[in-house]
């Protein structure tokens, strides 16, 4: 698919804004993307998809009533129908004093280098070839690697533009691609799985060897795993696990969740909610993050938002609507699931401030504990209101500061509040991952581990 320039998308959004009538506010959110996904298995292509999507979401606000409509085409007649439908829907909307579109707030977007046009010219055959190369590399990593569950390649070239009657006129575009491998290791009757990945803004940045090595290592080191005895231990979280945990915490700091009474941090701004070692930041202006973007989905500039500062809760992320509801200012944190949805407040690029010690040094300081390299059911195992947490896990025992026997089928039970308060060390190994949060090694004391 030939993707239009961002100027073309912005011009289209501007034409739609020109259809506004009278005192109504009108917002046009325009997006278009080209996406490729490849899955290979046993030397053959199992799935291949090359697809383009485009569409427009229109919001109309009149006298505190909001209407929304969308269409999945740039056809002029369909666009006019979407505007008319949004206008009609506004007439039936519930009055809301906080309803309204974003207005320019004087914050200029940070210049971010996130677009690699060369990705669009990479032949599909080359994308298939790199997925097959990844599979061969995983299988060749060790004789005990007996297969792969899958090897995937995926990429996306995405552009969006926002224009409003309130004066917003902004656009953004990003490219991204990734390789992911799921390996299968066996020794005797024991089989274990592992995964590895590589990320890039363009095709040449992908590292087949690194993804294959990680996939093999994660599976191999779990061979012979057994259930640990139950007890209270120091838990060391792998960056992959820490990122998932940070993402869950960030999800409770969206102001929509606070307003709806679905956040354990509601009403706690200024309180000490974590160890003084914990500083959590939302920063979509950091180009290293997978969620980096110069503007949010209402067209405001994204910015660095301190969420937790040395353990103290700094605040929430806001969209225009949540800011008006809570008497705050937007933090440039409006997110959408796509052109078919309206914006909410959410995080894109969360990270913990790294410490000064590497993972090896942190492990050396643990006399008796568990390194957790994977969790299962973490998102469903956390209650965002009470903070109660229970998740299945696997990893390696730590004895005398060194990694020991592999462990599987154990459960970690705690609360988010307790885990955050009991952080005793933060690693320097900040790792950027294919999700809305980065990870690093995190050491948490006195955690209940249930095994045999």
Foldseek 3Di string as FASTA:
>chain_A
DDDDDLVVQLVLQVVLQVVDDDPKKKKKKKKKKWKWKWKDFPLGTPDIDTDMWIKIKMWIADQQFIFIFMDGDSDPVVSVVRSVRRVVNSVVGDHDPLDDADAADPDAFDDADFADPVQVVDDPVVQNVLQSVLQVLLCPPDVQFPTWPIKMKMKMWMKMWMDMPNGFTDIWIHIKMKIKTKTWGDDVPDIFIFMFMAMDRHDVRGDSNRRSVRRNVRGVQQTPAAWDAWDWFKEKEAFVRQQVLLQLLQALQFLVCLVVLQAQCNPQAFHQQFALQWWKKFALCPNLALQRIQAESSRYGAGIDTQAHSRGGHGGAFDSSSCSVVVHHHNRAWHDPDNRGGTGGGGQEMEIDADDAAPLVVLLPGAWHWYWHDWPPFVVQARRRFQWGKIFTWGFIRHNSDTDHTHGGKMWTDGSSQQRHQWDHGHRPWAHDNGRYITGITIGGTITMHTD
